[in-house]
Protein backbone atom coordinates (compact mmCIF):
# COMPACT_ATOMS: atom_id res chain seq x y z
CA MET A 1 -27.11 -28.73 30.56
CA ILE A 2 -27.03 -28.60 34.40
CA PRO A 3 -24.31 -27.13 35.67
CA LYS A 4 -21.81 -29.26 38.00
CA LEU A 5 -22.28 -28.05 40.77
CA PRO A 6 -21.81 -30.60 44.45
CA TYR A 7 -24.51 -33.11 44.69
CA PHE A 8 -25.26 -34.40 48.48
CA ASP A 9 -28.73 -36.00 47.82
CA ASN A 10 -27.51 -39.47 47.05
CA ASN A 11 -30.31 -40.59 48.47
CA SER A 12 -32.77 -39.92 46.05
CA THR A 13 -30.15 -40.75 43.15
CA THR A 14 -27.10 -41.44 42.21
CA CYS A 15 -25.22 -40.99 38.21
CA VAL A 16 -24.93 -43.63 37.09
CA ASP A 17 -21.33 -44.36 36.36
CA GLU A 18 -19.58 -44.22 33.26
CA GLU A 19 -18.76 -48.45 32.98
CA VAL A 20 -22.68 -49.03 33.17
CA LEU A 21 -24.29 -46.47 30.71
CA GLN A 22 -21.37 -47.82 28.53
CA TYR A 23 -22.30 -51.19 28.93
CA MET A 24 -26.16 -50.59 28.09
CA LEU A 25 -25.95 -48.67 25.04
CA PRO A 26 -25.61 -50.84 22.37
CA PHE A 27 -28.96 -52.93 23.10
CA PHE A 28 -30.66 -49.79 22.15
CA ASN A 29 -29.56 -49.15 19.10
CA GLN A 30 -27.29 -52.49 18.45
CA ASN A 31 -27.64 -55.20 19.93
CA TYR A 32 -32.07 -54.93 20.87
CA GLY A 33 -33.24 -58.05 19.92
CA ASN A 34 -36.03 -59.67 22.58
CA ALA A 35 -35.24 -62.01 24.24
CA GLY A 36 -37.97 -63.30 24.59
CA SER A 37 -36.97 -64.23 20.71
CA THR A 38 -34.58 -66.72 20.78
CA ASN A 39 -34.95 -68.23 16.61
CA HIS A 40 -32.54 -65.69 15.74
CA HIS A 41 -29.40 -63.94 16.16
CA TYR A 42 -30.94 -61.38 17.95
CA GLY A 43 -33.51 -62.37 20.05
CA LEU A 44 -30.40 -65.47 21.68
CA TYR A 45 -27.59 -63.19 22.46
CA ALA A 46 -30.83 -60.66 24.31
CA SER A 47 -31.43 -63.89 26.44
CA VAL A 48 -27.22 -64.28 27.01
CA ALA A 49 -27.04 -60.99 28.23
CA ILE A 50 -30.71 -61.50 30.33
CA GLU A 51 -29.16 -64.96 32.05
CA THR A 52 -25.74 -63.12 32.81
CA ALA A 53 -27.11 -59.95 34.68
CA THR A 54 -29.73 -62.48 36.76
CA LYS A 55 -26.39 -64.55 38.18
CA GLN A 56 -24.22 -61.61 39.01
CA VAL A 57 -27.36 -59.61 40.55
CA ALA A 58 -28.30 -63.22 42.40
CA LYS A 59 -24.06 -63.23 42.78
CA LEU A 60 -25.05 -59.74 44.70
CA ILE A 61 -27.58 -60.28 47.39
CA ASN A 62 -26.59 -64.74 47.73
CA CYS A 63 -29.71 -66.26 45.41
CA GLU A 64 -30.56 -68.60 43.37
CA ASP A 65 -31.20 -67.10 39.41
CA ALA A 66 -34.67 -68.30 39.97
CA GLU A 67 -36.06 -65.76 43.09
CA LEU A 68 -35.14 -62.65 40.86
CA ILE A 69 -38.26 -61.01 39.73
CA PHE A 70 -37.26 -58.15 37.69
CA THR A 71 -39.72 -54.60 37.88
CA SER A 72 -39.23 -51.13 36.74
CA GLY A 73 -37.60 -50.08 39.69
CA ALA A 74 -38.32 -50.74 44.48
CA THR A 75 -41.43 -49.34 44.18
CA GLU A 76 -43.06 -52.19 41.01
CA SER A 77 -41.86 -54.08 43.88
CA VAL A 78 -42.78 -52.97 47.14
CA ASN A 79 -47.07 -53.34 45.62
CA LEU A 80 -45.70 -57.74 44.20
CA ALA A 81 -44.58 -58.62 46.66
CA LEU A 82 -47.36 -56.29 49.18
CA LYS A 83 -50.03 -57.61 47.13
CA GLY A 84 -49.15 -60.40 45.83
CA VAL A 85 -48.83 -62.05 48.89
CA TYR A 86 -52.38 -60.17 50.53
CA GLU A 87 -53.69 -62.18 48.00
CA ALA A 88 -52.01 -64.91 47.85
CA TYR A 89 -52.46 -65.50 51.28
CA ALA A 90 -55.95 -64.29 51.73
CA ASP A 91 -57.13 -68.28 53.01
CA LYS A 92 -54.97 -67.82 55.88
CA GLY A 93 -55.11 -64.38 57.18
CA ASN A 94 -55.40 -60.64 56.96
CA HIS A 95 -53.17 -58.90 58.50
CA ILE A 96 -49.60 -56.87 58.24
CA ILE A 97 -47.74 -55.88 59.90
CA THR A 98 -44.93 -52.45 59.11
CA CYS A 99 -43.57 -49.95 61.02
CA LYS A 100 -44.90 -45.63 60.68
CA THR A 101 -41.10 -44.32 58.59
CA GLU A 102 -41.78 -46.79 55.82
CA HIS A 103 -41.26 -45.48 52.47
CA LYS A 104 -44.25 -44.56 50.66
CA ALA A 105 -44.17 -46.54 49.06
CA VAL A 106 -44.97 -48.92 51.45
CA LEU A 107 -47.21 -46.90 53.26
CA ASP A 108 -49.80 -46.09 50.58
CA CYS A 109 -49.64 -49.69 49.45
CA CYS A 110 -51.32 -50.56 53.29
CA HIS A 111 -53.37 -47.77 53.46
CA TYR A 112 -55.07 -49.74 49.62
CA LEU A 113 -55.39 -52.63 51.10
CA GLU A 114 -57.07 -51.71 53.91
CA LYS A 115 -59.66 -50.83 51.39
CA LYS A 116 -59.50 -54.58 50.40
CA GLY A 117 -60.42 -55.65 54.32
CA ALA A 118 -56.02 -55.73 55.62
CA LYS A 119 -55.67 -55.22 59.08
CA ILE A 120 -52.55 -52.82 59.46
CA THR A 121 -50.56 -52.73 62.47
CA TYR A 122 -48.14 -49.97 61.87
CA LEU A 123 -45.14 -49.97 64.60
CA GLY A 124 -44.52 -47.40 66.48
CA VAL A 125 -39.96 -46.13 66.89
CA ASP A 126 -38.22 -44.74 69.91
CA PRO A 127 -37.16 -41.42 69.16
CA GLU A 128 -33.66 -42.81 67.80
CA GLY A 129 -36.08 -44.50 65.21
CA MET A 130 -35.43 -48.30 65.76
CA ILE A 131 -38.89 -50.44 66.84
CA ASP A 132 -39.05 -52.28 70.13
CA LEU A 133 -38.56 -55.91 68.96
CA ASP A 134 -41.57 -57.17 72.17
CA GLU A 135 -43.57 -55.19 70.84
CA LEU A 136 -43.32 -56.15 67.13
CA LYS A 137 -43.66 -60.57 68.75
CA SER A 138 -46.97 -59.13 70.85
CA CYS A 139 -48.64 -58.23 67.85
CA ILE A 140 -47.75 -60.91 65.66
CA THR A 141 -52.23 -62.69 65.68
CA ASP A 142 -53.07 -66.19 63.75
CA LYS A 143 -54.15 -63.88 60.62
CA THR A 144 -50.74 -62.55 60.50
CA ILE A 145 -49.68 -63.06 57.13
CA LEU A 146 -46.70 -60.85 56.44
CA LEU A 147 -44.17 -58.23 57.92
CA CYS A 148 -43.23 -55.55 56.06
CA LEU A 149 -40.18 -53.25 57.61
CA MET A 150 -37.19 -52.17 55.43
CA THR A 151 -34.06 -52.79 55.71
CA ALA A 152 -32.76 -49.51 56.56
CA ASN A 153 -35.12 -45.66 56.09
CA ASN A 154 -34.40 -43.85 53.14
CA GLU A 155 -34.44 -40.61 55.42
CA THR A 156 -32.33 -40.71 58.38
CA GLY A 157 -30.04 -43.79 57.23
CA VAL A 158 -31.45 -45.66 60.51
CA ILE A 159 -30.72 -49.70 59.52
CA HIS A 160 -33.34 -52.23 61.45
CA PRO A 161 -31.86 -55.96 62.87
CA ILE A 162 -33.15 -57.31 60.22
CA GLU A 163 -31.67 -61.11 61.20
CA LYS A 164 -33.17 -60.31 64.79
CA ILE A 165 -36.67 -59.86 63.47
CA SER A 166 -36.76 -62.47 61.00
CA ALA A 167 -35.52 -64.94 63.74
CA ILE A 168 -39.09 -63.79 65.31
CA CYS A 169 -41.18 -64.33 61.58
CA ASN A 170 -39.05 -68.11 61.33
CA GLU A 171 -40.94 -68.68 64.94
CA MET A 172 -43.80 -67.41 64.67
CA GLN A 173 -44.57 -68.76 60.93
CA ILE A 174 -44.88 -65.35 59.20
CA LEU A 175 -43.11 -63.84 56.09
CA PHE A 176 -40.67 -61.38 55.84
CA PHE A 177 -40.21 -58.46 53.58
CA SER A 178 -37.67 -55.88 53.56
CA ASP A 179 -37.15 -52.64 50.99
CA ALA A 180 -33.92 -52.89 51.14
CA THR A 181 -33.20 -49.98 48.34
CA GLN A 182 -31.76 -48.15 50.53
CA PHE A 183 -28.93 -50.98 51.62
CA ILE A 184 -28.18 -53.25 48.41
CA GLY A 185 -25.05 -51.63 46.75
CA LYS A 186 -23.99 -49.58 49.28
CA GLU A 187 -23.91 -52.13 52.38
CA ARG A 188 -23.38 -56.21 52.22
CA PHE A 189 -26.41 -57.65 51.97
CA ASP A 190 -27.12 -61.37 52.72
CA VAL A 191 -30.81 -62.80 51.91
CA GLN A 192 -29.89 -65.60 53.43
CA GLU A 193 -27.37 -64.17 56.71
CA SER A 194 -30.28 -61.64 55.98
CA GLY A 195 -33.87 -64.13 56.95
CA ALA A 196 -36.05 -62.55 55.24
CA HIS A 197 -38.18 -63.96 52.30
CA LEU A 198 -39.11 -61.02 49.98
CA VAL A 199 -36.78 -58.02 49.38
CA ALA A 200 -37.37 -54.92 47.01
CA PHE A 201 -33.87 -53.56 45.60
CA SER A 202 -33.29 -50.90 42.57
CA ALA A 203 -30.47 -49.65 40.52
CA HIS A 204 -30.48 -46.45 40.64
CA LYS A 205 -30.51 -46.26 44.18
CA PHE A 206 -26.49 -47.23 43.66
CA HIS A 207 -25.11 -45.92 40.19
CA GLY A 208 -27.50 -47.12 37.73
CA PRO A 209 -30.11 -46.54 35.93
CA LYS A 210 -33.85 -45.40 36.68
CA GLY A 211 -36.17 -47.93 35.51
CA ILE A 212 -35.26 -50.52 36.94
CA GLY A 213 -35.27 -53.07 40.37
CA ALA A 214 -36.05 -56.50 40.91
CA LEU A 215 -37.58 -58.51 44.14
CA TYR A 216 -35.74 -61.71 45.70
CA VAL A 217 -39.00 -63.57 46.44
CA SER A 218 -37.07 -67.13 48.42
CA ARG A 219 -38.06 -70.15 46.48
CA LYS A 220 -37.29 -72.18 50.28
CA ASN A 221 -37.54 -72.13 53.03
CA PRO A 222 -40.20 -71.53 53.01
CA ARG A 223 -41.15 -71.39 48.68
CA VAL A 224 -43.01 -68.04 48.75
CA ASN A 225 -46.08 -67.89 46.64
CA LEU A 226 -47.40 -64.58 45.12
CA ILE A 227 -50.28 -63.40 42.18
CA PRO A 228 -48.80 -61.84 39.74
CA GLN A 229 -50.06 -58.26 39.89
CA VAL A 230 -49.05 -57.66 35.76
CA HIS A 231 -50.39 -60.11 33.26
CA GLY A 232 -50.04 -60.76 30.18
CA GLY A 233 -47.38 -62.90 29.23
CA ALA A 234 -45.83 -65.76 31.09
CA GLN A 235 -42.57 -63.73 31.53
CA GLN A 236 -40.70 -64.45 34.24
CA ASN A 237 -42.45 -67.53 35.32
CA GLY A 238 -45.34 -66.12 35.28
CA LYS A 239 -44.63 -63.57 38.26
CA ARG A 240 -43.93 -59.90 35.91
CA ALA A 241 -45.49 -60.41 32.11
CA GLY A 242 -44.00 -57.92 29.77
CA THR A 243 -41.04 -58.12 27.02
CA LEU A 244 -37.52 -58.16 29.04
CA ASN A 245 -36.17 -54.48 29.34
CA VAL A 246 -33.18 -56.42 28.11
CA ALA A 247 -30.96 -52.45 27.84
CA LEU A 248 -31.64 -52.11 31.90
CA ILE A 249 -31.44 -55.45 32.84
CA ALA A 250 -28.40 -56.18 31.92
CA ALA A 251 -27.52 -52.58 33.33
CA LEU A 252 -28.53 -53.51 36.23
CA GLY A 253 -26.43 -56.55 36.77
CA LYS A 254 -23.36 -54.22 35.49
CA THR A 255 -24.08 -51.72 38.25
CA ALA A 256 -24.30 -55.29 40.65
CA GLU A 257 -21.20 -56.56 39.12
CA ILE A 258 -18.97 -52.86 40.54
CA ALA A 259 -20.41 -52.50 43.72
CA GLU A 260 -19.44 -55.84 44.45
CA LYS A 261 -16.48 -55.25 43.43
CA GLN A 262 -16.35 -52.36 44.79
CA TYR A 263 -17.69 -52.39 48.36
CA TRP A 264 -14.73 -51.77 50.60
CA GLU A 265 -12.87 -49.53 48.71
CA ASN A 266 -16.70 -47.56 48.91
CA SER A 267 -17.50 -47.64 52.19
CA ALA A 268 -13.85 -46.68 53.62
CA HIS A 269 -13.71 -43.39 51.01
CA ILE A 270 -17.78 -42.51 51.93
CA SER A 271 -17.66 -43.60 54.95
CA LYS A 272 -14.50 -41.73 55.58
CA LEU A 273 -16.16 -37.74 54.28
CA LYS A 274 -19.34 -37.83 56.62
CA ASN A 275 -17.44 -38.81 59.50
CA HIS A 276 -15.12 -35.86 58.27
CA PHE A 277 -18.64 -33.86 57.52
CA GLU A 278 -19.97 -34.79 61.17
CA HIS A 279 -16.87 -34.29 63.11
CA GLN A 280 -17.21 -30.53 62.01
CA LEU A 281 -20.78 -29.58 62.35
CA LEU A 282 -20.97 -30.83 65.60
CA GLU A 283 -19.13 -27.21 66.77
CA ILE A 284 -22.30 -26.05 66.53
CA PRO A 285 -23.62 -25.64 69.41
CA GLY A 286 -27.07 -26.75 69.44
CA LEU A 287 -27.41 -28.41 66.45
CA ARG A 288 -28.46 -32.44 66.62
CA ILE A 289 -28.24 -35.89 64.18
CA ASN A 290 -31.39 -37.50 63.59
CA GLY A 291 -31.09 -41.31 64.93
CA SER A 292 -28.83 -43.88 65.61
CA THR A 293 -25.71 -43.31 65.22
CA ARG A 294 -24.43 -46.59 65.79
CA ASN A 295 -27.17 -48.55 63.80
CA ARG A 296 -27.52 -46.35 60.83
CA LEU A 297 -25.73 -46.08 57.05
CA HIS A 298 -21.69 -45.09 55.92
CA ASN A 299 -23.31 -42.87 54.09
CA THR A 300 -26.44 -40.15 55.40
CA SER A 301 -25.98 -37.59 57.78
CA ASN A 302 -29.88 -36.00 58.91
CA LEU A 303 -29.29 -33.26 61.19
CA CYS A 304 -31.21 -30.48 62.99
CA PHE A 305 -30.30 -27.43 62.73
CA PRO A 306 -30.42 -24.74 65.50
CA PRO A 307 -33.38 -22.18 64.15
CA ASN A 308 -31.10 -18.83 63.82
CA TYR A 309 -28.85 -21.39 60.80
CA LYS A 310 -30.10 -20.76 56.89
CA VAL A 311 -29.15 -23.51 55.67
CA LYS A 312 -32.45 -24.01 53.15
CA GLU A 313 -30.95 -21.39 51.40
CA LEU A 314 -27.83 -24.26 50.10
CA MET A 315 -30.03 -26.88 48.78
CA LYS A 316 -29.34 -25.43 44.94
CA LYS A 317 -26.40 -25.16 45.30
CA PHE A 318 -24.72 -27.77 47.68
CA ALA A 319 -28.25 -30.71 46.51
CA PHE A 320 -28.45 -31.59 49.46
CA SER A 321 -32.36 -32.40 50.84
CA SER A 322 -34.96 -31.63 53.74
CA GLY A 323 -36.41 -35.22 53.46
CA SER A 324 -37.66 -38.22 50.88
CA SER A 325 -37.63 -37.40 47.55
CA CYS A 326 -40.32 -38.67 47.44
CA THR A 327 -42.52 -35.99 49.22
CA THR A 328 -40.49 -33.28 48.67
CA HIS A 329 -43.27 -31.61 47.75
CA SER A 330 -45.40 -32.56 49.89
CA THR A 331 -46.80 -29.29 52.61
CA GLU A 332 -46.59 -31.91 55.33
CA PRO A 333 -43.67 -32.29 57.83
CA SER A 334 -41.74 -35.82 57.28
CA HIS A 335 -43.61 -38.24 58.01
CA VAL A 336 -39.89 -40.44 59.16
CA LEU A 337 -39.19 -37.04 61.95
CA ASN A 338 -42.85 -37.08 62.81
CA ALA A 339 -42.55 -40.57 63.98
CA MET A 340 -39.40 -40.46 65.88
CA GLY A 341 -41.17 -37.33 68.52
CA PHE A 342 -39.59 -34.34 66.17
CA ASP A 343 -42.02 -31.77 66.60
CA LYS A 344 -42.91 -28.83 63.75
CA GLU A 345 -40.29 -26.49 64.71
CA GLU A 346 -37.34 -29.50 65.07
CA ILE A 347 -38.57 -31.48 61.04
CA LYS A 348 -38.80 -27.93 59.43
CA ASN A 349 -35.09 -27.37 60.61
CA SER A 350 -34.06 -30.63 59.83
CA TYR A 351 -31.76 -31.71 56.16
CA ARG A 352 -30.58 -35.20 55.06
CA PHE A 353 -27.26 -34.77 53.30
CA SER A 354 -26.73 -38.88 51.64
CA PHE A 355 -22.85 -39.21 50.04
CA SER A 356 -21.79 -41.80 47.17
CA LYS A 357 -18.16 -42.75 45.35
CA TYR A 358 -18.52 -39.22 43.52
CA ASN A 359 -18.20 -37.32 46.78
CA THR A 360 -14.86 -35.22 47.10
CA LEU A 361 -13.33 -34.02 50.46
CA GLU A 362 -12.94 -30.81 48.45
CA GLU A 363 -17.11 -30.86 48.50
CA VAL A 364 -17.32 -32.04 51.69
CA GLU A 365 -15.18 -28.49 52.90
CA LEU A 366 -16.94 -26.26 50.51
CA LEU A 367 -20.69 -27.61 51.93
CA ILE A 368 -18.90 -27.45 56.11
CA ALA A 369 -18.15 -24.14 54.77
CA ALA A 370 -21.25 -22.90 53.32
CA ILE A 371 -23.42 -24.25 56.46
CA GLN A 372 -20.40 -22.73 59.58
CA SER A 373 -21.13 -19.17 57.28
CA ALA A 374 -25.45 -19.63 57.26
CA GLY A 375 -25.84 -19.30 61.19
């Protein structure tokens, strides 16, 4: 059993809410029916559970039930969105625009599509991690079919102006896909207001279980076409085959329901912790916040410390990270900070602290004291 230690790596994954855990458990050994076998009560119960979860998730992001495809998580959602759109719109063009600071799920998928003949434009960012909207607009051609840009960055928490970006996409008549994995469940997200045509997210980023996520796909204005990437059944309107994971889908629904109810309470609590954390540490000469301080997730603090601070030695005790959880084992420096113009020494001395509703002021004070003593 892992000893209970302060945890500040919530952009990597979060603790499953106890209410969510208790809600999902009966679907493993009591209500274990197949949602596709509706000729008996086990299957009917499972089918109703799927319907309930679909409505809960749809309410969270303000979409229609039929606009949701349940997946194994955001990475699968990203692959379905990018590959599915690329194949479906091959007759229109082969150009996709994305950004150098995207999650590796997007970048690796783009590299794969390049081998299949796609032309990919990788937008740069300024030192605050923001793209240039004029540059974006100038990159769009008559062969452009899709813009892929995350809502909030997983390393820095920098939030892109999604509404302005979607307006450009609508004006230029291209599709807009946003990876909102770090945003949905933490901040209020309305797909209608965002203007995005496809949106990916995962339960485990906002106190649900791992292994379940969803992809929102617009059905009108415009109606988005996707070529399925998993075959073997007609589940989910033929867009993603496979027996539905009732337990995890039900858990995602409950997670969405709780997140919607707790938005403002959690936001106020987490913002207070992060702001206190940064305010105390900014007294350290030479310390810098990485990324925009105006357009940033309320739970994320990416800090560059002076070289003499031995912050890395505190990681095991306080569970924070030196970058994305998907690249922790890589010897390459953060591609996000690198794209923002940081040198290797600055990147080496940068760490991400991400807070959740379960963090306490006492834990934050312990972390602050430890860091201050590390210099």
